[in-house]
Amino acid sequence: MYAAEDYFWGWVVYASGAVCLLYTTWYLLRNLRFSSIRHVFLILASVFLLTPVTAYIDDSHLAPAFFVSLYEGLVANPATGFQRGAAPIVALMTVSLLLYIVLRLVVWQFKKRRTKS
């Protein structure tokens, strides 16, 4: 078993790599004509990379959900293993996209009112 400090430094290294991947994603999509498509891709990539779940069922330490899902789905419990990591990812993707849509509508309404005045 790993100590809490090992998990902390693991998350620091992992977050650094995730930020590099997100920057690369932004760089590749920066010339996309529609900014909302670029935003959706970045939101989905961020949620996919940064969603945490408990590393083990009986342990309180967190690990990236898609790694936990892959490990449990391929090695530990192939019958139902993918669900433990995939369920939070899908839920957070849905919530974040709904929040993004609401935010875009609010900004659009604000800009619309501002141009009328």
N, C-alpha and C. Protein backbone atom coordinates (compact mmCIF):
# COMPACT_ATOMS: atom_id res chain seq x y z
N MET A 1 0.83 -1.17 0.00
CA MET A 1 0.00 0.00 0.00
C MET A 1 0.88 1.24 0.00
N TYR A 2 0.40 2.26 -0.65
CA TYR A 2 1.14 3.51 -0.73
C TYR A 2 0.69 4.46 0.38
N ALA A 3 1.58 5.37 0.74
CA ALA A 3 1.26 6.39 1.75
C ALA A 3 0.54 7.55 1.07
N ALA A 4 -0.03 8.43 1.88
CA ALA A 4 -0.75 9.59 1.35
C ALA A 4 0.19 10.50 0.55
N GLU A 5 1.43 10.62 0.98
CA GLU A 5 2.40 11.46 0.26
C GLU A 5 2.69 10.90 -1.13
N ASP A 6 2.74 9.58 -1.26
CA ASP A 6 2.95 8.97 -2.57
C ASP A 6 1.80 9.29 -3.52
N TYR A 7 0.58 9.24 -3.01
CA TYR A 7 -0.57 9.60 -3.84
C TYR A 7 -0.54 11.08 -4.22
N PHE A 8 -0.12 11.93 -3.27
CA PHE A 8 -0.04 13.36 -3.55
C PHE A 8 0.94 13.63 -4.69
N TRP A 9 2.14 13.08 -4.60
CA TRP A 9 3.13 13.32 -5.65
C TRP A 9 2.72 12.66 -6.96
N GLY A 10 2.05 11.55 -6.87
CA GLY A 10 1.52 10.94 -8.09
C GLY A 10 0.52 11.86 -8.78
N TRP A 11 -0.35 12.49 -7.98
CA TRP A 11 -1.32 13.44 -8.55
C TRP A 11 -0.64 14.68 -9.10
N VAL A 12 0.42 15.14 -8.47
CA VAL A 12 1.15 16.30 -8.99
C VAL A 12 1.73 15.99 -10.36
N VAL A 13 2.36 14.86 -10.50
CA VAL A 13 2.94 14.47 -11.79
C VAL A 13 1.83 14.23 -12.81
N TYR A 14 0.78 13.55 -12.41
CA TYR A 14 -0.33 13.28 -13.31
C TYR A 14 -1.01 14.56 -13.77
N ALA A 15 -1.24 15.49 -12.85
CA ALA A 15 -1.88 16.76 -13.21
C ALA A 15 -1.00 17.56 -14.16
N SER A 16 0.31 17.52 -13.96
CA SER A 16 1.22 18.20 -14.89
C SER A 16 1.10 17.61 -16.29
N GLY A 17 1.05 16.31 -16.39
CA GLY A 17 0.88 15.67 -17.69
C GLY A 17 -0.48 15.98 -18.30
N ALA A 18 -1.52 16.01 -17.48
CA ALA A 18 -2.86 16.32 -17.99
C ALA A 18 -2.92 17.75 -18.50
N VAL A 19 -2.28 18.68 -17.81
CA VAL A 19 -2.25 20.07 -18.27
C VAL A 19 -1.52 20.17 -19.61
N CYS A 20 -0.43 19.43 -19.76
CA CYS A 20 0.28 19.41 -21.05
C CYS A 20 -0.61 18.84 -22.15
N LEU A 21 -1.35 17.78 -21.88
CA LEU A 21 -2.26 17.22 -22.88
C LEU A 21 -3.39 18.18 -23.22
N LEU A 22 -3.92 18.87 -22.22
CA LEU A 22 -4.99 19.84 -22.47
C LEU A 22 -4.47 21.03 -23.27
N TYR A 23 -3.25 21.47 -22.99
CA TYR A 23 -2.65 22.55 -23.77
C TYR A 23 -2.47 22.11 -25.22
N THR A 24 -2.01 20.89 -25.42
CA THR A 24 -1.84 20.38 -26.78
C THR A 24 -3.18 20.29 -27.49
N THR A 25 -4.21 19.86 -26.79
CA THR A 25 -5.55 19.80 -27.37
C THR A 25 -6.02 21.20 -27.77
N TRP A 26 -5.83 22.16 -26.89
CA TRP A 26 -6.19 23.55 -27.21
C TRP A 26 -5.40 24.05 -28.41
N TYR A 27 -4.11 23.75 -28.45
CA TYR A 27 -3.26 24.21 -29.55
C TYR A 27 -3.71 23.63 -30.89
N LEU A 28 -4.08 22.37 -30.89
CA LEU A 28 -4.54 21.74 -32.13
C LEU A 28 -5.90 22.27 -32.57
N LEU A 29 -6.74 22.69 -31.62
CA LEU A 29 -8.08 23.16 -31.95
C LEU A 29 -8.22 24.68 -31.98
N ARG A 30 -7.14 25.40 -31.81
CA ARG A 30 -7.23 26.86 -31.66
C ARG A 30 -7.75 27.56 -32.90
N ASN A 31 -7.56 27.01 -34.09
CA ASN A 31 -8.02 27.64 -35.32
C ASN A 31 -9.40 27.15 -35.76
N LEU A 32 -10.05 26.40 -34.91
CA LEU A 32 -11.39 25.92 -35.23
C LEU A 32 -12.34 27.11 -35.31
N ARG A 33 -13.17 27.11 -36.32
CA ARG A 33 -14.03 28.27 -36.58
C ARG A 33 -15.05 28.51 -35.45
N PHE A 34 -15.64 27.46 -34.94
CA PHE A 34 -16.66 27.58 -33.91
C PHE A 34 -16.04 27.36 -32.53
N SER A 35 -16.06 28.38 -31.71
CA SER A 35 -15.43 28.28 -30.39
C SER A 35 -16.18 27.31 -29.47
N SER A 36 -17.48 27.17 -29.67
CA SER A 36 -18.23 26.28 -28.78
C SER A 36 -17.81 24.82 -28.98
N ILE A 37 -17.46 24.44 -30.19
CA ILE A 37 -16.98 23.07 -30.42
C ILE A 37 -15.64 22.87 -29.72
N ARG A 38 -14.77 23.86 -29.82
CA ARG A 38 -13.48 23.80 -29.14
C ARG A 38 -13.68 23.71 -27.63
N HIS A 39 -14.60 24.48 -27.09
CA HIS A 39 -14.87 24.45 -25.65
C HIS A 39 -15.38 23.08 -25.21
N VAL A 40 -16.29 22.51 -26.00
CA VAL A 40 -16.84 21.19 -25.66
C VAL A 40 -15.74 20.14 -25.65
N PHE A 41 -14.87 20.14 -26.66
CA PHE A 41 -13.76 19.18 -26.68
C PHE A 41 -12.86 19.35 -25.46
N LEU A 42 -12.55 20.58 -25.10
CA LEU A 42 -11.69 20.82 -23.95
C LEU A 42 -12.36 20.42 -22.64
N ILE A 43 -13.66 20.67 -22.52
CA ILE A 43 -14.39 20.27 -21.32
C ILE A 43 -14.40 18.75 -21.19
N LEU A 44 -14.72 18.06 -22.28
CA LEU A 44 -14.77 16.60 -22.24
C LEU A 44 -13.39 16.00 -21.94
N ALA A 45 -12.35 16.55 -22.54
CA ALA A 45 -11.00 16.05 -22.28
C ALA A 45 -10.61 16.30 -20.82
N SER A 46 -10.96 17.47 -20.30
CA SER A 46 -10.64 17.78 -18.90
C SER A 46 -11.34 16.84 -17.94
N VAL A 47 -12.62 16.62 -18.18
CA VAL A 47 -13.38 15.72 -17.31
C VAL A 47 -12.83 14.30 -17.41
N PHE A 48 -12.53 13.85 -18.61
CA PHE A 48 -12.00 12.50 -18.79
C PHE A 48 -10.68 12.32 -18.07
N LEU A 49 -9.81 13.31 -18.15
CA LEU A 49 -8.49 13.17 -17.53
C LEU A 49 -8.47 13.41 -16.03
N LEU A 50 -9.33 14.28 -15.54
CA LEU A 50 -9.20 14.74 -14.15
C LEU A 50 -10.27 14.24 -13.19
N THR A 51 -11.14 13.34 -13.61
CA THR A 51 -12.15 12.81 -12.70
C THR A 51 -11.51 11.79 -11.76
N PRO A 52 -11.62 12.00 -10.45
CA PRO A 52 -11.05 11.04 -9.50
C PRO A 52 -12.09 10.07 -8.94
N VAL A 53 -11.65 8.90 -8.60
CA VAL A 53 -12.44 7.93 -7.82
C VAL A 53 -11.48 7.30 -6.81
N THR A 54 -12.03 6.58 -5.86
CA THR A 54 -11.17 5.90 -4.90
C THR A 54 -10.35 4.83 -5.61
N ALA A 55 -9.09 4.74 -5.23
CA ALA A 55 -8.18 3.81 -5.90
C ALA A 55 -8.61 2.35 -5.69
N TYR A 56 -8.98 2.05 -4.48
CA TYR A 56 -9.48 0.73 -4.15
C TYR A 56 -10.80 0.91 -3.41
N ILE A 57 -11.65 -0.08 -3.43
CA ILE A 57 -12.97 0.05 -2.82
C ILE A 57 -12.87 0.34 -1.32
N ASP A 58 -11.91 -0.26 -0.65
CA ASP A 58 -11.79 -0.09 0.80
C ASP A 58 -10.74 0.95 1.20
N ASP A 59 -10.28 1.78 0.24
CA ASP A 59 -9.25 2.78 0.51
C ASP A 59 -9.79 4.17 0.18
N SER A 60 -9.37 5.17 0.93
CA SER A 60 -9.90 6.52 0.70
C SER A 60 -9.05 7.35 -0.26
N HIS A 61 -7.91 6.84 -0.71
CA HIS A 61 -7.06 7.59 -1.63
C HIS A 61 -7.68 7.62 -3.03
N LEU A 62 -7.44 8.73 -3.73
CA LEU A 62 -8.05 8.92 -5.05
C LEU A 62 -7.07 8.61 -6.16
N ALA A 63 -7.62 8.18 -7.29
CA ALA A 63 -6.85 7.90 -8.50
C ALA A 63 -7.68 8.34 -9.70
N PRO A 64 -7.05 8.56 -10.85
CA PRO A 64 -7.82 8.94 -12.04
C PRO A 64 -8.83 7.85 -12.41
N ALA A 65 -10.05 8.27 -12.70
CA ALA A 65 -11.14 7.32 -12.90
C ALA A 65 -10.91 6.42 -14.11
N PHE A 66 -10.34 6.96 -15.19
CA PHE A 66 -10.21 6.10 -16.35
C PHE A 66 -9.12 5.05 -16.15
N PHE A 67 -8.08 5.34 -15.34
CA PHE A 67 -7.09 4.31 -15.02
C PHE A 67 -7.70 3.22 -14.14
N VAL A 68 -8.50 3.62 -13.17
CA VAL A 68 -9.17 2.65 -12.31
C VAL A 68 -10.12 1.79 -13.14
N SER A 69 -10.84 2.42 -14.05
CA SER A 69 -11.76 1.70 -14.91
C SER A 69 -11.02 0.69 -15.79
N LEU A 70 -9.92 1.12 -16.38
CA LEU A 70 -9.14 0.20 -17.21
C LEU A 70 -8.58 -0.96 -16.41
N TYR A 71 -8.01 -0.65 -15.25
CA TYR A 71 -7.44 -1.70 -14.42
C TYR A 71 -8.49 -2.71 -13.98
N GLU A 72 -9.60 -2.22 -13.47
CA GLU A 72 -10.62 -3.15 -12.98
C GLU A 72 -11.32 -3.87 -14.13
N GLY A 73 -11.47 -3.21 -15.25
CA GLY A 73 -12.14 -3.85 -16.38
C GLY A 73 -11.30 -4.90 -17.07
N LEU A 74 -9.99 -4.68 -17.11
CA LEU A 74 -9.12 -5.62 -17.81
C LEU A 74 -8.51 -6.67 -16.89
N VAL A 75 -8.23 -6.32 -15.65
CA VAL A 75 -7.49 -7.22 -14.77
C VAL A 75 -8.31 -7.71 -13.59
N ALA A 76 -8.82 -6.79 -12.79
CA ALA A 76 -9.41 -7.17 -11.50
C ALA A 76 -10.77 -7.83 -11.63
N ASN A 77 -11.69 -7.21 -12.35
CA ASN A 77 -13.05 -7.71 -12.42
C ASN A 77 -13.62 -7.44 -13.81
N PRO A 78 -13.29 -8.26 -14.80
CA PRO A 78 -13.70 -7.97 -16.18
C PRO A 78 -15.22 -7.90 -16.39
N ALA A 79 -16.02 -8.52 -15.56
CA ALA A 79 -17.47 -8.52 -15.78
C ALA A 79 -18.09 -7.15 -15.54
N THR A 80 -17.73 -6.50 -14.46
CA THR A 80 -18.34 -5.21 -14.12
C THR A 80 -17.32 -4.14 -13.80
N GLY A 81 -16.07 -4.35 -14.09
CA GLY A 81 -15.01 -3.44 -13.67
C GLY A 81 -15.03 -2.07 -14.28
N PHE A 82 -15.44 -1.96 -15.55
CA PHE A 82 -15.41 -0.65 -16.20
C PHE A 82 -16.40 0.33 -15.59
N GLN A 83 -17.42 -0.16 -14.93
CA GLN A 83 -18.48 0.70 -14.43
C GLN A 83 -18.02 1.62 -13.30
N ARG A 84 -17.13 1.18 -12.46
CA ARG A 84 -16.74 1.98 -11.30
C ARG A 84 -16.03 3.27 -11.70
N GLY A 85 -15.25 3.24 -12.75
CA GLY A 85 -14.59 4.45 -13.21
C GLY A 85 -15.37 5.19 -14.28
N ALA A 86 -16.11 4.46 -15.10
CA ALA A 86 -16.83 5.09 -16.21
C ALA A 86 -18.07 5.85 -15.76
N ALA A 87 -18.74 5.37 -14.75
CA ALA A 87 -19.97 6.03 -14.28
C ALA A 87 -19.72 7.47 -13.81
N PRO A 88 -18.69 7.73 -12.98
CA PRO A 88 -18.44 9.13 -12.61
C PRO A 88 -18.02 9.99 -13.79
N ILE A 89 -17.27 9.43 -14.72
CA ILE A 89 -16.85 10.20 -15.89
C ILE A 89 -18.05 10.61 -16.71
N VAL A 90 -18.95 9.68 -16.99
CA VAL A 90 -20.13 10.00 -17.79
C VAL A 90 -21.03 11.00 -17.06
N ALA A 91 -21.19 10.82 -15.76
CA ALA A 91 -22.02 11.74 -14.98
C ALA A 91 -21.44 13.15 -14.99
N LEU A 92 -20.14 13.27 -14.77
CA LEU A 92 -19.51 14.59 -14.76
C LEU A 92 -19.49 15.22 -16.14
N MET A 93 -19.35 14.41 -17.19
CA MET A 93 -19.41 14.96 -18.55
C MET A 93 -20.79 15.54 -18.82
N THR A 94 -21.81 14.83 -18.41
CA THR A 94 -23.18 15.31 -18.62
C THR A 94 -23.43 16.60 -17.86
N VAL A 95 -23.06 16.63 -16.59
CA VAL A 95 -23.27 17.83 -15.77
C VAL A 95 -22.46 19.00 -16.31
N SER A 96 -21.22 18.77 -16.68
CA SER A 96 -20.39 19.87 -17.17
C SER A 96 -20.89 20.40 -18.50
N LEU A 97 -21.38 19.55 -19.37
CA LEU A 97 -21.93 20.04 -20.63
C LEU A 97 -23.22 20.82 -20.42
N LEU A 98 -24.06 20.35 -19.50
CA LEU A 98 -25.28 21.10 -19.19
C LEU A 98 -24.95 22.47 -18.59
N LEU A 99 -23.99 22.52 -17.70
CA LEU A 99 -23.56 23.80 -17.13
C LEU A 99 -22.96 24.71 -18.20
N TYR A 100 -22.22 24.14 -19.12
CA TYR A 100 -21.64 24.93 -20.21
C TYR A 100 -22.75 25.53 -21.09
N ILE A 101 -23.76 24.74 -21.39
CA ILE A 101 -24.87 25.24 -22.21
C ILE A 101 -25.59 26.38 -21.49
N VAL A 102 -25.84 26.21 -20.21
CA VAL A 102 -26.50 27.27 -19.44
C VAL A 102 -25.63 28.53 -19.41
N LEU A 103 -24.34 28.37 -19.20
CA LEU A 103 -23.44 29.51 -19.18
C LEU A 103 -23.40 30.22 -20.53
N ARG A 104 -23.37 29.47 -21.61
CA ARG A 104 -23.38 30.07 -22.95
C ARG A 104 -24.68 30.85 -23.19
N LEU A 105 -25.80 30.31 -22.74
CA LEU A 105 -27.08 31.02 -22.90
C LEU A 105 -27.11 32.31 -22.08
N VAL A 106 -26.57 32.27 -20.87
CA VAL A 106 -26.53 33.47 -20.03
C VAL A 106 -25.64 34.53 -20.67
N VAL A 107 -24.47 34.14 -21.15
CA VAL A 107 -23.57 35.09 -21.80
C VAL A 107 -24.21 35.65 -23.06
N TRP A 108 -24.88 34.81 -23.82
CA TRP A 108 -25.54 35.25 -25.05
C TRP A 108 -26.63 36.27 -24.74
N GLN A 109 -27.44 36.00 -23.70
CA GLN A 109 -28.48 36.94 -23.30
C GLN A 109 -27.88 38.26 -22.82
N PHE A 110 -26.80 38.19 -22.07
CA PHE A 110 -26.15 39.39 -21.57
C PHE A 110 -25.61 40.23 -22.73
N LYS A 111 -24.98 39.60 -23.70
CA LYS A 111 -24.47 40.33 -24.86
C LYS A 111 -25.60 40.90 -25.70
N LYS A 112 -26.68 40.16 -25.80
CA LYS A 112 -27.84 40.62 -26.58
C LYS A 112 -28.44 41.87 -25.95
N ARG A 113 -28.58 41.89 -24.64
CA ARG A 113 -29.13 43.05 -23.94
C ARG A 113 -28.18 44.25 -24.03
N ARG A 114 -26.90 43.97 -24.00
CA ARG A 114 -25.92 45.04 -24.03
C ARG A 114 -25.88 45.73 -25.40
N THR A 115 -26.07 44.98 -26.47
CA THR A 115 -26.06 45.58 -27.80
C THR A 115 -27.33 46.35 -28.08
N LYS A 116 -28.44 46.01 -27.43
CA LYS A 116 -29.70 46.73 -27.61
C LYS A 116 -29.64 48.13 -26.99
N SER A 117 -28.93 48.29 -25.88
CA SER A 117 -28.91 49.56 -25.17
C SER A 117 -28.05 50.58 -25.87
